[in-house]
Amino acid sequence: MASERERMLAGELYDAGDPELVAARHRARELCIELNASLQVGAPGRRELLQRLFARGGDSALVQPPFFCDYGFNIELGERVYFNFNCVVLDICRVRIGARTLFGPAVQVCAALHPMDAIERRTLEYGRPIEIGSDVWVGAGALILPGVRIGDGAVIGAGSVVTRDIPDGQLAAGNPCRVLRPAT
């Protein structure tokens, strides 16, 4: 029988109240509190915090506090990923972000979903992985929804709600976000 964590990572319905998952979220929140209290990018111990928080990429990520995530261990970063102020990553499934990707202020990356059935929704949730390519620029206040893939070199306009995949090298914007033209 699969654990609640295994169900969560597989994108299946799972109980977020499971003690192992509650402890893992508590760990991530403690690390985020420490990170958010270290106001300077080069503050002593900050690099170690990022390495402990993220599954990969904490050794070169630049994160402007405040930053928030559910678990951290599901976030895989390429080199030199940049999160501006007030970004949120709900990483109940894998969130993979390519090298040199830039996030404007208040961007939300949400892999979490909830059942439509009200009774199930009382105790269960699920998610879909998100993949964001390399050299992507996500404008301020954008919202990236579960299961989305954004291709290399894409640009997502500020305030966009990304509900479906965006191909490599495209400028996309709006609610719902749609491709407007090549990002050149």
N, C-alpha and C. Protein backbone atom coordinates (compact mmCIF):
# COMPACT_ATOMS: atom_id res chain seq x y z
N MET A 1 0.84 -1.19 0.00
CA MET A 1 0.00 0.00 0.00
C MET A 1 0.89 1.25 0.00
N ALA A 2 0.60 2.18 -0.89
CA ALA A 2 1.40 3.39 -1.02
C ALA A 2 1.16 4.33 0.16
N SER A 3 2.22 5.02 0.56
CA SER A 3 2.09 6.02 1.62
C SER A 3 1.39 7.26 1.05
N GLU A 4 0.94 8.12 1.93
CA GLU A 4 0.30 9.37 1.49
C GLU A 4 1.30 10.21 0.69
N ARG A 5 2.56 10.21 1.10
CA ARG A 5 3.59 10.96 0.35
C ARG A 5 3.76 10.39 -1.06
N GLU A 6 3.78 9.07 -1.18
CA GLU A 6 3.90 8.44 -2.51
C GLU A 6 2.69 8.77 -3.38
N ARG A 7 1.50 8.77 -2.77
CA ARG A 7 0.29 9.14 -3.52
C ARG A 7 0.38 10.60 -3.98
N MET A 8 0.82 11.47 -3.08
CA MET A 8 0.94 12.89 -3.40
C MET A 8 1.87 13.08 -4.60
N LEU A 9 3.04 12.48 -4.54
CA LEU A 9 4.03 12.65 -5.61
C LEU A 9 3.57 12.03 -6.92
N ALA A 10 2.70 11.03 -6.86
CA ALA A 10 2.18 10.38 -8.07
C ALA A 10 0.99 11.13 -8.66
N GLY A 11 0.53 12.20 -7.99
CA GLY A 11 -0.61 12.95 -8.50
C GLY A 11 -1.94 12.30 -8.19
N GLU A 12 -1.96 11.39 -7.22
CA GLU A 12 -3.19 10.71 -6.82
C GLU A 12 -3.81 11.45 -5.64
N LEU A 13 -5.08 11.15 -5.37
CA LEU A 13 -5.72 11.70 -4.17
C LEU A 13 -4.94 11.24 -2.94
N TYR A 14 -4.71 12.16 -2.01
CA TYR A 14 -3.98 11.83 -0.78
C TYR A 14 -4.51 12.70 0.35
N ASP A 15 -4.19 12.29 1.56
CA ASP A 15 -4.61 13.00 2.77
C ASP A 15 -3.48 13.93 3.21
N ALA A 16 -3.67 15.24 3.04
CA ALA A 16 -2.64 16.21 3.42
C ALA A 16 -2.45 16.30 4.93
N GLY A 17 -3.37 15.72 5.70
CA GLY A 17 -3.24 15.70 7.15
C GLY A 17 -2.38 14.58 7.69
N ASP A 18 -1.81 13.78 6.79
CA ASP A 18 -0.92 12.69 7.19
C ASP A 18 0.24 13.26 8.01
N PRO A 19 0.57 12.65 9.15
CA PRO A 19 1.62 13.20 10.03
C PRO A 19 2.97 13.41 9.33
N GLU A 20 3.36 12.50 8.44
CA GLU A 20 4.63 12.68 7.72
C GLU A 20 4.58 13.95 6.86
N LEU A 21 3.47 14.19 6.19
CA LEU A 21 3.35 15.37 5.33
C LEU A 21 3.24 16.65 6.15
N VAL A 22 2.53 16.60 7.26
CA VAL A 22 2.43 17.76 8.15
C VAL A 22 3.84 18.14 8.64
N ALA A 23 4.62 17.15 9.03
CA ALA A 23 5.98 17.41 9.50
C ALA A 23 6.86 17.99 8.38
N ALA A 24 6.70 17.48 7.17
CA ALA A 24 7.48 17.98 6.04
C ALA A 24 7.12 19.43 5.72
N ARG A 25 5.83 19.77 5.78
CA ARG A 25 5.42 21.17 5.55
C ARG A 25 5.95 22.07 6.66
N HIS A 26 5.92 21.56 7.89
CA HIS A 26 6.45 22.34 9.02
C HIS A 26 7.94 22.63 8.81
N ARG A 27 8.69 21.62 8.37
CA ARG A 27 10.12 21.80 8.09
C ARG A 27 10.33 22.89 7.04
N ALA A 28 9.55 22.84 5.95
CA ALA A 28 9.69 23.84 4.88
C ALA A 28 9.34 25.23 5.40
N ARG A 29 8.31 25.34 6.22
CA ARG A 29 7.94 26.65 6.76
C ARG A 29 9.02 27.21 7.67
N GLU A 30 9.62 26.34 8.48
CA GLU A 30 10.73 26.81 9.33
C GLU A 30 11.89 27.32 8.48
N LEU A 31 12.23 26.59 7.42
CA LEU A 31 13.30 27.04 6.53
C LEU A 31 12.94 28.34 5.83
N CYS A 32 11.69 28.48 5.41
CA CYS A 32 11.25 29.73 4.76
C CYS A 32 11.29 30.90 5.75
N ILE A 33 10.91 30.65 6.99
CA ILE A 33 10.98 31.72 8.01
C ILE A 33 12.43 32.18 8.18
N GLU A 34 13.36 31.24 8.27
CA GLU A 34 14.79 31.59 8.38
C GLU A 34 15.25 32.35 7.14
N LEU A 35 14.87 31.84 5.97
CA LEU A 35 15.25 32.49 4.71
C LEU A 35 14.70 33.91 4.65
N ASN A 36 13.44 34.07 5.00
CA ASN A 36 12.79 35.37 4.92
C ASN A 36 13.34 36.36 5.94
N ALA A 37 13.92 35.86 7.01
CA ALA A 37 14.54 36.73 8.01
C ALA A 37 15.94 37.17 7.57
N SER A 38 16.54 36.48 6.61
CA SER A 38 17.87 36.84 6.11
C SER A 38 17.68 37.78 4.93
N LEU A 39 17.62 39.07 5.20
CA LEU A 39 17.22 40.05 4.20
C LEU A 39 18.24 40.24 3.08
N GLN A 40 19.49 40.00 3.33
CA GLN A 40 20.53 40.21 2.32
C GLN A 40 20.78 38.93 1.54
N VAL A 41 20.90 39.06 0.22
CA VAL A 41 21.15 37.90 -0.64
C VAL A 41 22.41 37.15 -0.20
N GLY A 42 23.43 37.85 0.20
CA GLY A 42 24.68 37.21 0.61
C GLY A 42 24.80 36.96 2.10
N ALA A 43 23.68 37.00 2.82
CA ALA A 43 23.72 36.83 4.28
C ALA A 43 24.31 35.47 4.64
N PRO A 44 25.09 35.44 5.73
CA PRO A 44 25.69 34.17 6.16
C PRO A 44 24.62 33.10 6.40
N GLY A 45 24.87 31.91 5.88
CA GLY A 45 23.96 30.79 6.07
C GLY A 45 22.82 30.71 5.07
N ARG A 46 22.63 31.76 4.28
CA ARG A 46 21.51 31.77 3.32
C ARG A 46 21.65 30.68 2.26
N ARG A 47 22.85 30.54 1.71
CA ARG A 47 23.08 29.53 0.67
C ARG A 47 22.76 28.14 1.21
N GLU A 48 23.20 27.86 2.44
CA GLU A 48 22.91 26.56 3.07
C GLU A 48 21.40 26.35 3.23
N LEU A 49 20.68 27.41 3.61
CA LEU A 49 19.21 27.30 3.74
C LEU A 49 18.58 26.91 2.41
N LEU A 50 19.02 27.56 1.33
CA LEU A 50 18.46 27.25 0.01
C LEU A 50 18.79 25.82 -0.41
N GLN A 51 19.98 25.36 -0.08
CA GLN A 51 20.37 23.99 -0.40
C GLN A 51 19.54 22.99 0.40
N ARG A 52 19.22 23.32 1.63
CA ARG A 52 18.40 22.44 2.45
C ARG A 52 16.94 22.47 2.02
N LEU A 53 16.47 23.62 1.53
CA LEU A 53 15.07 23.77 1.15
C LEU A 53 14.75 23.08 -0.17
N PHE A 54 15.55 23.33 -1.20
CA PHE A 54 15.25 22.83 -2.54
C PHE A 54 15.87 21.46 -2.79
N ALA A 55 15.21 20.67 -3.63
CA ALA A 55 15.75 19.36 -4.01
C ALA A 55 17.05 19.51 -4.79
N ARG A 56 17.11 20.57 -5.62
CA ARG A 56 18.29 20.81 -6.45
C ARG A 56 18.30 22.29 -6.82
N GLY A 57 19.49 22.87 -6.93
CA GLY A 57 19.64 24.22 -7.42
C GLY A 57 19.80 25.30 -6.37
N GLY A 58 19.73 24.93 -5.11
CA GLY A 58 19.89 25.92 -4.06
C GLY A 58 21.27 26.54 -4.00
N ASP A 59 22.25 25.87 -4.62
CA ASP A 59 23.62 26.38 -4.59
C ASP A 59 23.81 27.62 -5.45
N SER A 60 22.88 27.91 -6.38
CA SER A 60 23.05 29.10 -7.22
C SER A 60 21.77 29.94 -7.35
N ALA A 61 20.69 29.53 -6.72
CA ALA A 61 19.43 30.29 -6.81
C ALA A 61 19.55 31.63 -6.10
N LEU A 62 18.85 32.62 -6.63
CA LEU A 62 18.74 33.93 -5.97
C LEU A 62 17.28 34.12 -5.59
N VAL A 63 17.02 34.28 -4.30
CA VAL A 63 15.66 34.36 -3.80
C VAL A 63 15.52 35.62 -2.95
N GLN A 64 14.65 36.53 -3.38
CA GLN A 64 14.36 37.74 -2.61
C GLN A 64 13.22 37.42 -1.65
N PRO A 65 13.41 37.61 -0.36
CA PRO A 65 12.33 37.32 0.57
C PRO A 65 11.22 38.38 0.46
N PRO A 66 10.00 38.02 0.80
CA PRO A 66 9.61 36.72 1.30
C PRO A 66 9.38 35.70 0.18
N PHE A 67 9.61 34.45 0.50
CA PHE A 67 9.39 33.31 -0.39
C PHE A 67 8.69 32.24 0.43
N PHE A 68 7.74 31.54 -0.20
CA PHE A 68 6.98 30.51 0.49
C PHE A 68 6.83 29.28 -0.40
N CYS A 69 6.86 28.10 0.21
CA CYS A 69 6.58 26.86 -0.50
C CYS A 69 5.99 25.85 0.46
N ASP A 70 5.39 24.79 -0.10
CA ASP A 70 4.79 23.75 0.74
C ASP A 70 5.84 22.80 1.31
N TYR A 71 6.70 22.26 0.45
CA TYR A 71 7.64 21.23 0.88
C TYR A 71 9.09 21.56 0.53
N GLY A 72 9.33 22.15 -0.60
CA GLY A 72 10.70 22.46 -1.03
C GLY A 72 11.39 21.28 -1.67
N PHE A 73 11.22 20.09 -1.10
CA PHE A 73 11.93 18.92 -1.64
C PHE A 73 11.40 18.46 -2.99
N ASN A 74 10.32 19.07 -3.46
CA ASN A 74 9.80 18.77 -4.80
C ASN A 74 10.18 19.84 -5.82
N ILE A 75 10.99 20.82 -5.42
CA ILE A 75 11.39 21.91 -6.30
C ILE A 75 12.81 21.66 -6.80
N GLU A 76 12.94 21.49 -8.13
CA GLU A 76 14.24 21.26 -8.76
C GLU A 76 14.56 22.46 -9.64
N LEU A 77 15.67 23.12 -9.33
CA LEU A 77 16.05 24.33 -10.04
C LEU A 77 17.31 24.13 -10.86
N GLY A 78 17.33 24.70 -12.06
CA GLY A 78 18.56 24.79 -12.81
C GLY A 78 19.41 25.90 -12.19
N GLU A 79 20.57 26.14 -12.77
CA GLU A 79 21.45 27.15 -12.16
C GLU A 79 20.91 28.56 -12.38
N ARG A 80 21.16 29.39 -11.36
CA ARG A 80 20.86 30.82 -11.38
C ARG A 80 19.39 31.16 -11.61
N VAL A 81 18.48 30.39 -11.04
CA VAL A 81 17.06 30.74 -11.07
C VAL A 81 16.86 31.91 -10.10
N TYR A 82 16.02 32.87 -10.49
CA TYR A 82 15.78 34.06 -9.68
C TYR A 82 14.30 34.19 -9.33
N PHE A 83 14.01 34.28 -8.03
CA PHE A 83 12.67 34.55 -7.53
C PHE A 83 12.66 35.95 -6.93
N ASN A 84 11.84 36.86 -7.47
CA ASN A 84 11.72 38.19 -6.90
C ASN A 84 10.84 38.12 -5.66
N PHE A 85 10.54 39.25 -5.06
CA PHE A 85 9.79 39.32 -3.82
C PHE A 85 8.44 38.62 -3.88
N ASN A 86 8.08 37.94 -2.79
CA ASN A 86 6.73 37.43 -2.55
C ASN A 86 6.28 36.33 -3.51
N CYS A 87 7.19 35.46 -3.92
CA CYS A 87 6.82 34.32 -4.76
C CYS A 87 6.36 33.15 -3.90
N VAL A 88 5.45 32.34 -4.47
CA VAL A 88 4.89 31.18 -3.78
C VAL A 88 4.96 29.98 -4.73
N VAL A 89 5.46 28.85 -4.22
CA VAL A 89 5.48 27.61 -4.99
C VAL A 89 4.79 26.53 -4.16
N LEU A 90 3.62 26.09 -4.63
CA LEU A 90 2.90 25.00 -3.97
C LEU A 90 3.34 23.71 -4.65
N ASP A 91 4.33 23.08 -4.06
CA ASP A 91 5.06 21.96 -4.69
C ASP A 91 4.63 20.60 -4.15
N ILE A 92 3.34 20.30 -4.24
CA ILE A 92 2.91 18.97 -3.80
C ILE A 92 3.29 17.90 -4.81
N CYS A 93 3.56 18.31 -6.03
CA CYS A 93 4.14 17.45 -7.06
C CYS A 93 5.45 18.12 -7.50
N ARG A 94 6.19 17.43 -8.32
CA ARG A 94 7.47 17.98 -8.78
C ARG A 94 7.24 19.30 -9.53
N VAL A 95 8.07 20.29 -9.19
CA VAL A 95 8.13 21.55 -9.92
C VAL A 95 9.56 21.68 -10.39
N ARG A 96 9.74 21.59 -11.70
CA ARG A 96 11.08 21.64 -12.29
C ARG A 96 11.22 22.95 -13.06
N ILE A 97 12.28 23.70 -12.74
CA ILE A 97 12.51 25.03 -13.33
C ILE A 97 13.91 25.05 -13.91
N GLY A 98 14.03 25.42 -15.18
CA GLY A 98 15.30 25.41 -15.89
C GLY A 98 16.20 26.57 -15.52
N ALA A 99 17.42 26.48 -15.99
CA ALA A 99 18.47 27.46 -15.69
C ALA A 99 18.11 28.86 -16.17
N ARG A 100 18.52 29.84 -15.38
CA ARG A 100 18.42 31.26 -15.71
C ARG A 100 16.99 31.75 -15.88
N THR A 101 16.04 31.05 -15.31
CA THR A 101 14.65 31.49 -15.37
C THR A 101 14.41 32.55 -14.31
N LEU A 102 13.64 33.57 -14.67
CA LEU A 102 13.38 34.73 -13.81
C LEU A 102 11.90 34.82 -13.48
N PHE A 103 11.60 34.99 -12.20
CA PHE A 103 10.23 35.17 -11.74
C PHE A 103 10.08 36.58 -11.18
N GLY A 104 9.11 37.34 -11.70
CA GLY A 104 8.81 38.67 -11.17
C GLY A 104 8.18 38.56 -9.80
N PRO A 105 7.92 39.72 -9.17
CA PRO A 105 7.31 39.71 -7.85
C PRO A 105 5.92 39.07 -7.86
N ALA A 106 5.60 38.38 -6.79
CA ALA A 106 4.27 37.83 -6.52
C ALA A 106 3.82 36.77 -7.53
N VAL A 107 4.77 36.08 -8.15
CA VAL A 107 4.41 34.97 -9.03
C VAL A 107 4.02 33.78 -8.16
N GLN A 108 2.99 33.04 -8.59
CA GLN A 108 2.55 31.83 -7.90
C GLN A 108 2.63 30.64 -8.84
N VAL A 109 3.29 29.59 -8.38
CA VAL A 109 3.42 28.34 -9.13
C VAL A 109 2.68 27.29 -8.31
N CYS A 110 1.52 26.85 -8.80
CA CYS A 110 0.61 26.04 -7.99
C CYS A 110 0.38 24.67 -8.60
N ALA A 111 1.04 23.65 -8.05
CA ALA A 111 0.84 22.28 -8.51
C ALA A 111 -0.34 21.62 -7.82
N ALA A 112 -0.93 22.27 -6.84
CA ALA A 112 -2.00 21.68 -6.02
C ALA A 112 -3.37 21.81 -6.68
N LEU A 113 -4.18 20.75 -6.52
CA LEU A 113 -5.57 20.71 -6.99
C LEU A 113 -6.45 20.13 -5.88
N HIS A 114 -7.73 20.39 -5.97
CA HIS A 114 -8.68 19.84 -5.01
C HIS A 114 -9.83 19.18 -5.78
N PRO A 115 -10.38 18.10 -5.23
CA PRO A 115 -11.49 17.42 -5.90
C PRO A 115 -12.71 18.34 -6.06
N MET A 116 -13.48 18.09 -7.10
CA MET A 116 -14.73 18.84 -7.31
C MET A 116 -15.80 18.38 -6.31
N ASP A 117 -15.75 17.12 -5.91
CA ASP A 117 -16.72 16.58 -4.96
C ASP A 117 -16.46 17.16 -3.57
N ALA A 118 -17.48 17.81 -3.00
CA ALA A 118 -17.32 18.49 -1.72
C ALA A 118 -16.92 17.55 -0.58
N ILE A 119 -17.44 16.35 -0.57
CA ILE A 119 -17.12 15.39 0.50
C ILE A 119 -15.65 14.99 0.40
N GLU A 120 -15.18 14.64 -0.80
CA GLU A 120 -13.76 14.30 -0.98
C GLU A 120 -12.87 15.48 -0.60
N ARG A 121 -13.30 16.68 -0.97
CA ARG A 121 -12.49 17.88 -0.76
C ARG A 121 -12.25 18.17 0.72
N ARG A 122 -13.07 17.61 1.59
CA ARG A 122 -12.89 17.83 3.03
C ARG A 122 -11.55 17.28 3.53
N THR A 123 -11.11 16.18 2.94
CA THR A 123 -9.91 15.52 3.48
C THR A 123 -8.85 15.21 2.43
N LEU A 124 -9.18 15.31 1.15
CA LEU A 124 -8.25 14.88 0.11
C LEU A 124 -7.88 16.00 -0.84
N GLU A 125 -6.70 15.88 -1.42
CA GLU A 125 -6.27 16.76 -2.50
C GLU A 125 -5.36 15.97 -3.42
N TYR A 126 -4.95 16.60 -4.50
CA TYR A 126 -4.03 15.96 -5.45
C TYR A 126 -3.33 17.05 -6.23
N GLY A 127 -2.46 16.69 -7.14
CA GLY A 127 -1.75 17.71 -7.89
C GLY A 127 -1.24 17.19 -9.22
N ARG A 128 -0.64 18.09 -9.98
CA ARG A 128 -0.02 17.76 -11.26
C ARG A 128 1.32 18.47 -11.32
N PRO A 129 2.36 17.79 -11.82
CA PRO A 129 3.69 18.42 -11.89
C PRO A 129 3.70 19.61 -12.86
N ILE A 130 4.62 20.51 -12.61
CA ILE A 130 4.81 21.70 -13.45
C ILE A 130 6.25 21.70 -13.93
N GLU A 131 6.42 22.04 -15.20
CA GLU A 131 7.77 22.14 -15.77
C GLU A 131 7.91 23.48 -16.49
N ILE A 132 8.93 24.22 -16.09
CA ILE A 132 9.23 25.52 -16.67
C ILE A 132 10.65 25.43 -17.23
N GLY A 133 10.82 25.76 -18.49
CA GLY A 133 12.10 25.60 -19.16
C GLY A 133 13.17 26.57 -18.70
N SER A 134 14.27 26.56 -19.42
CA SER A 134 15.40 27.47 -19.16
C SER A 134 15.15 28.81 -19.85
N ASP A 135 15.74 29.86 -19.29
CA ASP A 135 15.70 31.20 -19.87
C ASP A 135 14.29 31.73 -20.05
N VAL A 136 13.39 31.35 -19.15
CA VAL A 136 12.00 31.83 -19.16
C VAL A 136 11.92 33.06 -18.28
N TRP A 137 11.08 34.01 -18.67
CA TRP A 137 10.80 35.19 -17.86
C TRP A 137 9.31 35.17 -17.55
N VAL A 138 8.95 35.13 -16.26
CA VAL A 138 7.56 35.13 -15.82
C VAL A 138 7.30 36.47 -15.15
N GLY A 139 6.41 37.27 -15.74
CA GLY A 139 6.13 38.61 -15.24
C GLY A 139 5.41 38.63 -13.91
N ALA A 140 5.44 39.79 -13.29
CA ALA A 140 4.87 40.00 -11.95
C ALA A 140 3.43 39.54 -11.87
N GLY A 141 3.12 38.85 -10.78
CA GLY A 141 1.75 38.47 -10.48
C GLY A 141 1.17 37.36 -11.34
N ALA A 142 1.99 36.72 -12.14
CA ALA A 142 1.49 35.62 -12.97
C ALA A 142 1.15 34.42 -12.08
N LEU A 143 0.22 33.62 -12.55
CA LEU A 143 -0.21 32.41 -11.85
C LEU A 143 -0.05 31.23 -12.80
N ILE A 144 0.76 30.26 -12.40
CA ILE A 144 1.02 29.07 -13.22
C ILE A 144 0.30 27.90 -12.56
N LEU A 145 -0.64 27.30 -13.29
CA LEU A 145 -1.53 26.29 -12.72
C LEU A 145 -0.99 24.87 -12.90
N PRO A 146 -1.58 23.90 -12.18
CA PRO A 146 -1.11 22.52 -12.18
C PRO A 146 -1.02 21.90 -13.58
N GLY A 147 0.03 21.11 -13.79
CA GLY A 147 0.18 20.33 -15.00
C GLY A 147 0.72 21.09 -16.20
N VAL A 148 1.04 22.36 -16.04
CA VAL A 148 1.49 23.20 -17.15
C VAL A 148 2.96 22.98 -17.45
N ARG A 149 3.30 23.07 -18.74
CA ARG A 149 4.70 23.09 -19.19
C ARG A 149 4.92 24.37 -19.96
N ILE A 150 5.95 25.12 -19.56
CA ILE A 150 6.34 26.35 -20.25
C ILE A 150 7.70 26.08 -20.88
N GLY A 151 7.80 26.28 -22.19
CA GLY A 151 9.01 25.94 -22.94
C GLY A 151 10.15 26.91 -22.74
N ASP A 152 11.34 26.47 -23.14
CA ASP A 152 12.56 27.27 -23.05
C ASP A 152 12.37 28.61 -23.75
N GLY A 153 12.89 29.67 -23.15
CA GLY A 153 12.91 30.98 -23.77
C GLY A 153 11.57 31.69 -23.85
N ALA A 154 10.54 31.12 -23.26
CA ALA A 154 9.21 31.76 -23.30
C ALA A 154 9.18 32.97 -22.37
N VAL A 155 8.25 33.88 -22.65
CA VAL A 155 7.99 35.04 -21.79
C VAL A 155 6.51 35.01 -21.45
N ILE A 156 6.20 35.09 -20.15
CA ILE A 156 4.82 35.10 -19.67
C ILE A 156 4.54 36.50 -19.14
N GLY A 157 3.53 37.16 -19.72
CA GLY A 157 3.19 38.53 -19.34
C GLY A 157 2.71 38.65 -17.90
N ALA A 158 2.93 39.82 -17.32
CA ALA A 158 2.51 40.10 -15.95
C ALA A 158 1.01 39.87 -15.80
N GLY A 159 0.63 39.27 -14.68
CA GLY A 159 -0.77 39.04 -14.37
C GLY A 159 -1.43 37.91 -15.13
N SER A 160 -0.68 37.19 -15.91
CA SER A 160 -1.26 36.10 -16.71
C SER A 160 -1.65 34.92 -15.84
N VAL A 161 -2.64 34.16 -16.30
CA VAL A 161 -3.05 32.92 -15.65
C VAL A 161 -2.78 31.81 -16.66
N VAL A 162 -1.71 31.05 -16.42
CA VAL A 162 -1.25 30.03 -17.36
C VAL A 162 -1.99 28.73 -17.06
N THR A 163 -2.92 28.39 -17.94
CA THR A 163 -3.77 27.22 -17.75
C THR A 163 -3.40 26.06 -18.67
N ARG A 164 -2.54 26.33 -19.66
CA ARG A 164 -2.15 25.28 -20.61
C ARG A 164 -0.70 25.50 -21.03
N ASP A 165 -0.14 24.52 -21.70
CA ASP A 165 1.27 24.56 -22.10
C ASP A 165 1.55 25.74 -23.02
N ILE A 166 2.77 26.28 -22.86
CA ILE A 166 3.27 27.37 -23.71
C ILE A 166 4.52 26.84 -24.41
N PRO A 167 4.57 26.88 -25.75
CA PRO A 167 5.73 26.34 -26.48
C PRO A 167 7.00 27.16 -26.27
N ASP A 168 8.13 26.58 -26.63
CA ASP A 168 9.42 27.26 -26.57
C ASP A 168 9.37 28.59 -27.31
N GLY A 169 10.06 29.59 -26.75
CA GLY A 169 10.30 30.83 -27.45
C GLY A 169 9.11 31.70 -27.75
N GLN A 170 8.01 31.54 -27.03
CA GLN A 170 6.80 32.31 -27.33
C GLN A 170 6.51 33.34 -26.23
N LEU A 171 5.95 34.49 -26.64
CA LEU A 171 5.42 35.47 -25.72
C LEU A 171 3.95 35.13 -25.52
N ALA A 172 3.54 34.95 -24.28
CA ALA A 172 2.15 34.59 -23.98
C ALA A 172 1.67 35.47 -22.83
N ALA A 173 0.39 35.84 -22.87
CA ALA A 173 -0.16 36.70 -21.83
C ALA A 173 -1.66 36.56 -21.79
N GLY A 174 -2.25 37.03 -20.70
CA GLY A 174 -3.69 37.10 -20.56
C GLY A 174 -4.27 36.12 -19.57
N ASN A 175 -5.60 36.19 -19.45
CA ASN A 175 -6.35 35.31 -18.57
C ASN A 175 -7.57 34.81 -19.33
N PRO A 176 -7.50 33.56 -19.82
CA PRO A 176 -6.37 32.64 -19.70
C PRO A 176 -5.22 33.05 -20.62
N CYS A 177 -4.03 32.66 -20.23
CA CYS A 177 -2.82 32.99 -20.97
C CYS A 177 -2.86 32.31 -22.35
N ARG A 178 -2.51 33.08 -23.37
CA ARG A 178 -2.45 32.50 -24.71
C ARG A 178 -1.23 33.07 -25.44
N VAL A 179 -0.74 32.32 -26.41
CA VAL A 179 0.42 32.74 -27.18
C VAL A 179 0.04 33.93 -28.05
N LEU A 180 0.88 34.98 -28.00
CA LEU A 180 0.64 36.19 -28.79
C LEU A 180 1.54 36.25 -30.02
N ARG A 181 2.81 35.89 -29.83
CA ARG A 181 3.79 35.95 -30.91
C ARG A 181 5.10 35.36 -30.41
N PRO A 182 6.09 35.19 -31.31
CA PRO A 182 7.40 34.76 -30.84
C PRO A 182 8.00 35.81 -29.90
N ALA A 183 8.75 35.36 -28.92
CA ALA A 183 9.37 36.24 -27.93
C ALA A 183 10.73 36.70 -28.44
N THR A 184 10.71 37.54 -29.46
CA THR A 184 11.97 38.06 -30.02
C THR A 184 11.97 39.55 -30.00
